[in-house]
Amino acid sequence: MFTGIIEDLGQLARREHLQEGQRLWVRTVLPVAEFPMGASIALNGACMTVVAVAAVADTQVAAADAGATAGEFAVDVSAESLRRTTLGDLGEGDAINLERSMQLGDRVGGHMVSGHIDGTGQVAAIVPEGESSIFTFAVDPALMTMVVEKGSVAVDGISLTCFNCREDRFDVAIIPHTFAVTTLGVRKPGSSVNIEVDVMGKYVAKLVDAAITARLAVRS
């Protein structure tokens, strides 16, 4: 599980093609030497498993702590994940939101995020509003049935509060800090993003659908 609070804005260092899927190497200032093999980490909101780590000699990356030395870690992305997320669209050097899995006792600064992407959406519009920006995301209407006004949604793994929900889109307000430290700072209208709706909404929708189906079956 994750919280939707991004720890680092990493970069895709390189990709390796596997028989089915791809291995992605990601550069980060997170302490990769402390990553246990098999650890979970979210890449743009998609939960992946660490399969290798490597130091990067004499490499510096821009970070909040100036001069922090980068390392790299690798994840294997299945063909299914490539189909269902935007990870297959990443180019070398592209920014990636990174969040390690939460530990028991951690503060949940955002909301409970599973790292299981429900679908992709597109940036429909970006409108400045004072120091902030209003992002409009267009998504499948089927997903919007589980998105509620002032509810939580994860966009590229970022915990956000949605409003002005319509049939196939919703708005979020992005403050300057979030714009600066996440992939939203490089997104443009037309950019694709990973979407995960609130897990509670998925369970409610499943229960309601089952109840309606059962009632219709009794009446028939």
C-alpha atoms as a PDB file:
ATOM      1  CA  MET A   1       0.000   0.000   0.000  1.00  0.00           C
ATOM      2  CA  PHE A   2       1.001   3.607  -0.628  1.00  0.00           C
ATOM      3  CA  THR A   3      -0.216   7.035   0.450  1.00  0.00           C
ATOM      4  CA  GLY A   4       0.069   9.085  -2.733  1.00  0.00           C
ATOM      5  CA  ILE A   5       2.781  11.355  -1.287  1.00  0.00           C
ATOM      6  CA  ILE A   6       5.649  11.383  -3.806  1.00  0.00           C
ATOM      7  CA  GLU A   7       9.126  10.849  -2.317  1.00  0.00           C
ATOM      8  CA  ASP A   8      11.275  11.625  -5.336  1.00  0.00           C
ATOM      9  CA  LEU A   9      11.022  12.649  -8.957  1.00  0.00           C
ATOM     10  CA  GLY A  10      13.208  10.015 -10.568  1.00  0.00           C
ATOM     11  CA  GLN A  11      14.219   9.510 -14.190  1.00  0.00           C
ATOM     12  CA  LEU A  12      14.063   6.588 -16.582  1.00  0.00           C
ATOM     13  CA  ALA A  13      17.720   5.687 -17.116  1.00  0.00           C
ATOM     14  CA  ARG A  14      17.189   2.936 -19.691  1.00  0.00           C
ATOM     15  CA  ARG A  15      14.930   0.037 -20.598  1.00  0.00           C
ATOM     16  CA  GLU A  16      15.726  -3.548 -21.465  1.00  0.00           C
ATOM     17  CA  HIS A  17      13.353  -5.704 -23.503  1.00  0.00           C
ATOM     18  CA  LEU A  18      12.406  -9.051 -22.009  1.00  0.00           C
ATOM     19  CA  GLN A  19      10.720 -11.962 -23.725  1.00  0.00           C
ATOM     20  CA  GLU A  20       7.416 -10.681 -22.335  1.00  0.00           C
ATOM     21  CA  GLY A  21       7.538  -7.186 -20.883  1.00  0.00           C
ATOM     22  CA  GLN A  22      10.406  -4.837 -20.113  1.00  0.00           C
ATOM     23  CA  ARG A  23      12.963  -4.124 -17.406  1.00  0.00           C
ATOM     24  CA  LEU A  24      13.078  -0.456 -16.462  1.00  0.00           C
ATOM     25  CA  TRP A  25      16.109   1.083 -14.758  1.00  0.00           C
ATOM     26  CA  VAL A  26      15.199   4.168 -12.748  1.00  0.00           C
ATOM     27  CA  ARG A  27      17.609   6.777 -11.405  1.00  0.00           C
ATOM     28  CA  THR A  28      16.776   8.284  -8.018  1.00  0.00           C
ATOM     29  CA  VAL A  29      18.229   9.992  -4.964  1.00  0.00           C
ATOM     30  CA  LEU A  30      16.388   7.522  -2.726  1.00  0.00           C
ATOM     31  CA  PRO A  31      18.821   5.189  -0.906  1.00  0.00           C
ATOM     32  CA  VAL A  32      18.766   2.254  -3.329  1.00  0.00           C
ATOM     33  CA  ALA A  33      21.404   0.418  -1.261  1.00  0.00           C
ATOM     34  CA  GLU A  34      18.715   0.023   1.398  1.00  0.00           C
ATOM     35  CA  PHE A  35      16.141  -1.398  -1.029  1.00  0.00           C
ATOM     36  CA  PRO A  36      15.619  -5.092  -0.265  1.00  0.00           C
ATOM     37  CA  MET A  37      15.123  -7.336  -3.267  1.00  0.00           C
ATOM     38  CA  GLY A  38      11.408  -7.792  -3.780  1.00  0.00           C
ATOM     39  CA  ALA A  39      10.518  -4.438  -2.220  1.00  0.00           C
ATOM     40  CA  SER A  40       7.453  -2.662  -3.572  1.00  0.00           C
ATOM     41  CA  ILE A  41       7.772   0.780  -5.106  1.00  0.00           C
ATOM     42  CA  ALA A  42       5.254   2.808  -7.084  1.00  0.00           C
ATOM     43  CA  LEU A  43       6.301   4.216 -10.470  1.00  0.00           C
ATOM     44  CA  ASN A  44       3.801   6.872 -11.556  1.00  0.00           C
ATOM     45  CA  GLY A  45       1.349   5.135  -9.246  1.00  0.00           C
ATOM     46  CA  ALA A  46       1.909   1.590 -10.536  1.00  0.00           C
ATOM     47  CA  CYS A  47       3.145  -0.854  -7.896  1.00  0.00           C
ATOM     48  CA  MET A  48       6.322  -2.588  -9.072  1.00  0.00           C
ATOM     49  CA  THR A  49       8.865  -4.963  -7.526  1.00  0.00           C
ATOM     50  CA  VAL A  50      12.534  -4.085  -7.142  1.00  0.00           C
ATOM     51  CA  VAL A  51      14.651  -6.764  -8.867  1.00  0.00           C
ATOM     52  CA  ALA A  52      18.098  -5.104  -8.909  1.00  0.00           C
ATOM     53  CA  VAL A  53      19.975  -2.043  -7.628  1.00  0.00           C
ATOM     54  CA  ALA A  54      23.172  -0.333  -8.732  1.00  0.00           C
ATOM     55  CA  ALA A  55      25.291   2.604  -7.658  1.00  0.00           C
ATOM     56  CA  VAL A  56      25.934   5.335 -10.197  1.00  0.00           C
ATOM     57  CA  ALA A  57      29.492   6.580  -9.893  1.00  0.00           C
ATOM     58  CA  ASP A  58      30.153  10.317 -10.122  1.00  0.00           C
ATOM     59  CA  THR A  59      26.546  11.114 -10.997  1.00  0.00           C
ATOM     60  CA  GLN A  60      24.732  14.064  -9.531  1.00  0.00           C
ATOM     61  CA  VAL A  61      21.022  14.763  -9.894  1.00  0.00           C
ATOM     62  CA  ALA A  62      18.929  17.776  -9.088  1.00  0.00           C
ATOM     63  CA  ALA A  63      17.195  17.251  -5.771  1.00  0.00           C
ATOM     64  CA  ALA A  64      15.976  19.107  -2.726  1.00  0.00           C
ATOM     65  CA  ASP A  65      19.307  18.243  -1.103  1.00  0.00           C
ATOM     66  CA  ALA A  66      21.767  19.754  -3.557  1.00  0.00           C
ATOM     67  CA  GLY A  67      24.533  17.396  -4.586  1.00  0.00           C
ATOM     68  CA  ALA A  68      22.712  14.202  -3.586  1.00  0.00           C
ATOM     69  CA  THR A  69      24.277  11.211  -5.330  1.00  0.00           C
ATOM     70  CA  ALA A  70      22.023   9.105  -7.513  1.00  0.00           C
ATOM     71  CA  GLY A  71      21.595   5.361  -7.589  1.00  0.00           C
ATOM     72  CA  GLU A  72      19.550   3.136  -9.858  1.00  0.00           C
ATOM     73  CA  PHE A  73      17.098   0.324  -9.319  1.00  0.00           C
ATOM     74  CA  ALA A  74      15.342  -1.967 -11.762  1.00  0.00           C
ATOM     75  CA  VAL A  75      11.788  -3.281 -11.995  1.00  0.00           C
ATOM     76  CA  ASP A  76      10.347  -5.835 -14.383  1.00  0.00           C
ATOM     77  CA  VAL A  77       7.139  -4.616 -16.017  1.00  0.00           C
ATOM     78  CA  SER A  78       4.832  -7.309 -17.339  1.00  0.00           C
ATOM     79  CA  ALA A  79       3.121  -7.093 -20.706  1.00  0.00           C
ATOM     80  CA  GLU A  80      -0.199  -6.603 -18.879  1.00  0.00           C
ATOM     81  CA  SER A  81       1.169  -3.636 -16.937  1.00  0.00           C
ATOM     82  CA  LEU A  82       2.531  -2.124 -20.141  1.00  0.00           C
ATOM     83  CA  ARG A  83      -0.938  -2.413 -21.675  1.00  0.00           C
ATOM     84  CA  ARG A  84      -2.773  -0.958 -18.687  1.00  0.00           C
ATOM     85  CA  THR A  85      -0.440   1.890 -17.685  1.00  0.00           C
ATOM     86  CA  THR A  86       1.663   4.644 -19.243  1.00  0.00           C
ATOM     87  CA  LEU A  87       4.978   3.003 -18.284  1.00  0.00           C
ATOM     88  CA  GLY A  88       5.512   1.716 -21.814  1.00  0.00           C
ATOM     89  CA  ASP A  89       5.364   5.278 -23.144  1.00  0.00           C
ATOM     90  CA  LEU A  90       8.271   6.556 -21.043  1.00  0.00           C
ATOM     91  CA  GLY A  91      11.361   7.748 -22.874  1.00  0.00           C
ATOM     92  CA  GLU A  92      14.912   7.834 -21.566  1.00  0.00           C
ATOM     93  CA  GLY A  93      15.260  10.784 -19.192  1.00  0.00           C
ATOM     94  CA  ASP A  94      11.517  11.119 -18.582  1.00  0.00           C
ATOM     95  CA  ALA A  95      10.463  12.021 -15.037  1.00  0.00           C
ATOM     96  CA  ILE A  96       8.832   9.348 -12.852  1.00  0.00           C
ATOM     97  CA  ASN A  97       6.986   9.814  -9.569  1.00  0.00           C
ATOM     98  CA  LEU A  98       8.430   7.451  -6.953  1.00  0.00           C
ATOM     99  CA  GLU A  99       6.991   6.313  -3.646  1.00  0.00           C
ATOM    100  CA  ARG A 100       8.148   3.407  -1.518  1.00  0.00           C
ATOM    101  CA  SER A 101       5.471   1.266   0.110  1.00  0.00           C
ATOM    102  CA  MET A 102       4.244   2.491   3.466  1.00  0.00           C
ATOM    103  CA  GLN A 103       5.149   0.835   6.760  1.00  0.00           C
ATOM    104  CA  LEU A 104       2.845   0.149   9.681  1.00  0.00           C
ATOM    105  CA  GLY A 105       2.859   3.191  11.901  1.00  0.00           C
ATOM    106  CA  ASP A 106       3.568   5.652   9.078  1.00  0.00           C
ATOM    107  CA  ARG A 107       1.446   8.775   8.778  1.00  0.00           C
ATOM    108  CA  VAL A 108      -0.988   8.590   5.863  1.00  0.00           C
ATOM    109  CA  GLY A 109      -0.533  12.059   4.416  1.00  0.00           C
ATOM    110  CA  GLY A 110      -2.636  11.386   1.322  1.00  0.00           C
ATOM    111  CA  HIS A 111      -5.043   8.436   1.112  1.00  0.00           C
ATOM    112  CA  MET A 112      -4.802   4.661   0.854  1.00  0.00           C
ATOM    113  CA  VAL A 113      -3.405   3.903  -2.617  1.00  0.00           C
ATOM    114  CA  SER A 114      -3.046   0.276  -3.746  1.00  0.00           C
ATOM    115  CA  GLY A 115      -0.766   0.894  -6.723  1.00  0.00           C
ATOM    116  CA  HIS A 116      -3.153  -1.039  -8.982  1.00  0.00           C
ATOM    117  CA  ILE A 117      -3.914   1.225 -11.927  1.00  0.00           C
ATOM    118  CA  ASP A 118      -7.565   1.259 -13.021  1.00  0.00           C
ATOM    119  CA  GLY A 119      -6.935   2.934 -16.352  1.00  0.00           C
ATOM    120  CA  THR A 120      -5.285   5.821 -18.101  1.00  0.00           C
ATOM    121  CA  GLY A 121      -6.590   9.327 -18.668  1.00  0.00           C
ATOM    122  CA  GLN A 122      -5.475  12.454 -20.461  1.00  0.00           C
ATOM    123  CA  VAL A 123      -4.765  16.003 -19.404  1.00  0.00           C
ATOM    124  CA  ALA A 124      -7.665  17.885 -21.003  1.00  0.00           C
ATOM    125  CA  ALA A 125      -6.747  21.397 -19.836  1.00  0.00           C
ATOM    126  CA  ILE A 126      -4.456  23.342 -17.506  1.00  0.00           C
ATOM    127  CA  VAL A 127      -5.731  26.725 -16.324  1.00  0.00           C
ATOM    128  CA  PRO A 128      -3.738  29.021 -14.006  1.00  0.00           C
ATOM    129  CA  GLU A 129      -5.629  30.188 -10.915  1.00  0.00           C
ATOM    130  CA  GLY A 130      -3.546  32.515  -8.777  1.00  0.00           C
ATOM    131  CA  GLU A 131      -0.398  30.676  -7.683  1.00  0.00           C
ATOM    132  CA  SER A 132      -2.047  27.313  -8.380  1.00  0.00           C
ATOM    133  CA  SER A 133      -3.224  25.543 -11.535  1.00  0.00           C
ATOM    134  CA  ILE A 134      -6.489  23.771 -12.271  1.00  0.00           C
ATOM    135  CA  PHE A 135      -5.875  20.500 -14.108  1.00  0.00           C
ATOM    136  CA  THR A 136      -8.772  18.838 -15.914  1.00  0.00           C
ATOM    137  CA  PHE A 137      -8.387  15.109 -16.564  1.00  0.00           C
ATOM    138  CA  ALA A 138     -10.497  13.212 -19.083  1.00  0.00           C
ATOM    139  CA  VAL A 139     -11.164   9.584 -18.132  1.00  0.00           C
ATOM    140  CA  ASP A 140     -13.387   6.669 -19.097  1.00  0.00           C
ATOM    141  CA  PRO A 141     -16.990   7.311 -17.948  1.00  0.00           C
ATOM    142  CA  ALA A 142     -16.967   3.867 -16.312  1.00  0.00           C
ATOM    143  CA  LEU A 143     -14.230   5.063 -13.942  1.00  0.00           C
ATOM    144  CA  MET A 144     -16.100   8.295 -13.218  1.00  0.00           C
ATOM    145  CA  THR A 145     -18.901   6.280 -11.608  1.00  0.00           C
ATOM    146  CA  MET A 146     -16.436   5.614  -8.769  1.00  0.00           C
ATOM    147  CA  VAL A 147     -15.145   9.195  -8.500  1.00  0.00           C
ATOM    148  CA  VAL A 148     -17.040  11.446  -6.098  1.00  0.00           C
ATOM    149  CA  GLU A 149     -17.028  15.193  -5.550  1.00  0.00           C
ATOM    150  CA  LYS A 150     -14.306  16.148  -3.050  1.00  0.00           C
ATOM    151  CA  GLY A 151     -13.165  12.520  -2.962  1.00  0.00           C
ATOM    152  CA  SER A 152      -9.668  11.154  -3.406  1.00  0.00           C
ATOM    153  CA  VAL A 153      -8.072   9.988  -6.647  1.00  0.00           C
ATOM    154  CA  ALA A 154      -4.490   9.062  -7.520  1.00  0.00           C
ATOM    155  CA  VAL A 155      -3.114  10.592 -10.735  1.00  0.00           C
ATOM    156  CA  ASP A 156       0.323   9.218 -11.646  1.00  0.00           C
ATOM    157  CA  GLY A 157       0.431   8.056  -8.019  1.00  0.00           C
ATOM    158  CA  ILE A 158      -0.240  11.530  -6.578  1.00  0.00           C
ATOM    159  CA  SER A 159      -2.993  11.732  -3.964  1.00  0.00           C
ATOM    160  CA  LEU A 160      -5.359  14.470  -5.120  1.00  0.00           C
ATOM    161  CA  THR A 161      -8.811  15.799  -4.242  1.00  0.00           C
ATOM    162  CA  CYS A 162     -11.177  15.977  -7.195  1.00  0.00           C
ATOM    163  CA  PHE A 163     -13.995  18.433  -7.783  1.00  0.00           C
ATOM    164  CA  ASN A 164     -16.283  19.603 -10.574  1.00  0.00           C
ATOM    165  CA  CYS A 165     -16.847  15.951 -11.477  1.00  0.00           C
ATOM    166  CA  ARG A 166     -18.630  15.381 -14.785  1.00  0.00           C
ATOM    167  CA  GLU A 167     -19.536  12.330 -16.865  1.00  0.00           C
ATOM    168  CA  ASP A 168     -16.032  11.815 -18.255  1.00  0.00           C
ATOM    169  CA  ARG A 169     -13.710  14.271 -16.476  1.00  0.00           C
ATOM    170  CA  PHE A 170     -12.816  15.912 -13.200  1.00  0.00           C
ATOM    171  CA  ASP A 171     -10.723  18.832 -11.948  1.00  0.00           C
ATOM    172  CA  VAL A 172      -7.967  19.060  -9.339  1.00  0.00           C
ATOM    173  CA  ALA A 173      -6.156  22.101  -7.945  1.00  0.00           C
ATOM    174  CA  ILE A 174      -2.363  21.806  -8.043  1.00  0.00           C
ATOM    175  CA  ILE A 175      -0.346  23.996  -5.694  1.00  0.00           C
ATOM    176  CA  PRO A 176       3.150  25.189  -6.673  1.00  0.00           C
ATOM    177  CA  HIS A 177       4.900  22.609  -4.458  1.00  0.00           C
ATOM    178  CA  THR A 178       3.105  19.664  -6.104  1.00  0.00           C
ATOM    179  CA  PHE A 179       3.746  21.185  -9.531  1.00  0.00           C
ATOM    180  CA  ALA A 180       7.461  21.439  -8.754  1.00  0.00           C
ATOM    181  CA  VAL A 181       8.113  17.982  -7.247  1.00  0.00           C
ATOM    182  CA  THR A 182       5.912  15.674  -9.354  1.00  0.00           C
ATOM    183  CA  THR A 183       5.381  14.796 -13.003  1.00  0.00           C
ATOM    184  CA  LEU A 184       2.512  17.286 -13.192  1.00  0.00           C
ATOM    185  CA  GLY A 185       5.166  19.945 -13.706  1.00  0.00           C
ATOM    186  CA  VAL A 186       5.964  18.493 -17.134  1.00  0.00           C
ATOM    187  CA  ARG A 187       2.485  17.397 -18.186  1.00  0.00           C
ATOM    188  CA  LYS A 188       0.762  19.223 -21.040  1.00  0.00           C
ATOM    189  CA  PRO A 189      -2.749  19.018 -22.523  1.00  0.00           C
ATOM    190  CA  GLY A 190      -2.937  15.656 -24.244  1.00  0.00           C
ATOM    191  CA  SER A 191      -0.436  13.963 -21.905  1.00  0.00           C
ATOM    192  CA  SER A 192      -1.471  10.517 -20.675  1.00  0.00           C
ATOM    193  CA  VAL A 193      -1.580   9.737 -16.946  1.00  0.00           C
ATOM    194  CA  ASN A 194      -2.255   6.711 -14.766  1.00  0.00           C
ATOM    195  CA  ILE A 195      -5.520   6.800 -12.818  1.00  0.00           C
ATOM    196  CA  GLU A 196      -6.411   4.880  -9.665  1.00  0.00           C
ATOM    197  CA  VAL A 197      -9.786   5.611  -8.120  1.00  0.00           C
ATOM    198  CA  ASP A 198     -10.329   5.358  -4.374  1.00  0.00           C
ATOM    199  CA  VAL A 199     -10.352   1.677  -3.407  1.00  0.00           C
ATOM    200  CA  MET A 200     -13.420   2.234  -1.215  1.00  0.00           C
ATOM    201  CA  GLY A 201     -15.343   3.357  -4.293  1.00  0.00           C
ATOM    202  CA  LYS A 202     -14.453   0.133  -6.093  1.00  0.00           C
ATOM    203  CA  TYR A 203     -15.719  -2.018  -3.229  1.00  0.00           C
ATOM    204  CA  VAL A 204     -18.959  -0.027  -2.955  1.00  0.00           C
ATOM    205  CA  ALA A 205     -19.536  -0.282  -6.710  1.00  0.00           C
ATOM    206  CA  LYS A 206     -18.943  -4.059  -6.610  1.00  0.00           C
ATOM    207  CA  LEU A 207     -21.367  -4.554  -3.715  1.00  0.00           C
ATOM    208  CA  VAL A 208     -24.053  -2.364  -5.286  1.00  0.00           C
ATOM    209  CA  ASP A 209     -23.780  -4.148  -8.639  1.00  0.00           C
ATOM    210  CA  ALA A 210     -24.048  -7.535  -6.907  1.00  0.00           C
ATOM    211  CA  ALA A 211     -27.094  -6.402  -4.931  1.00  0.00           C
ATOM    212  CA  ILE A 212     -28.858  -5.079  -8.039  1.00  0.00           C
ATOM    213  CA  THR A 213     -28.065  -8.267  -9.984  1.00  0.00           C
ATOM    214  CA  ALA A 214     -29.417 -10.441  -7.136  1.00  0.00           C
ATOM    215  CA  ARG A 215     -32.613  -8.383  -6.872  1.00  0.00           C
ATOM    216  CA  LEU A 216     -33.233  -8.564 -10.612  1.00  0.00           C
ATOM    217  CA  ALA A 217     -32.666 -12.321 -10.531  1.00  0.00           C
ATOM    218  CA  VAL A 218     -35.304 -12.734  -7.792  1.00  0.00           C
ATOM    219  CA  ARG A 219     -37.857 -10.631  -9.685  1.00  0.00           C
ATOM    220  CA  SER A 220     -37.333 -12.641 -12.866  1.00  0.00           C
END
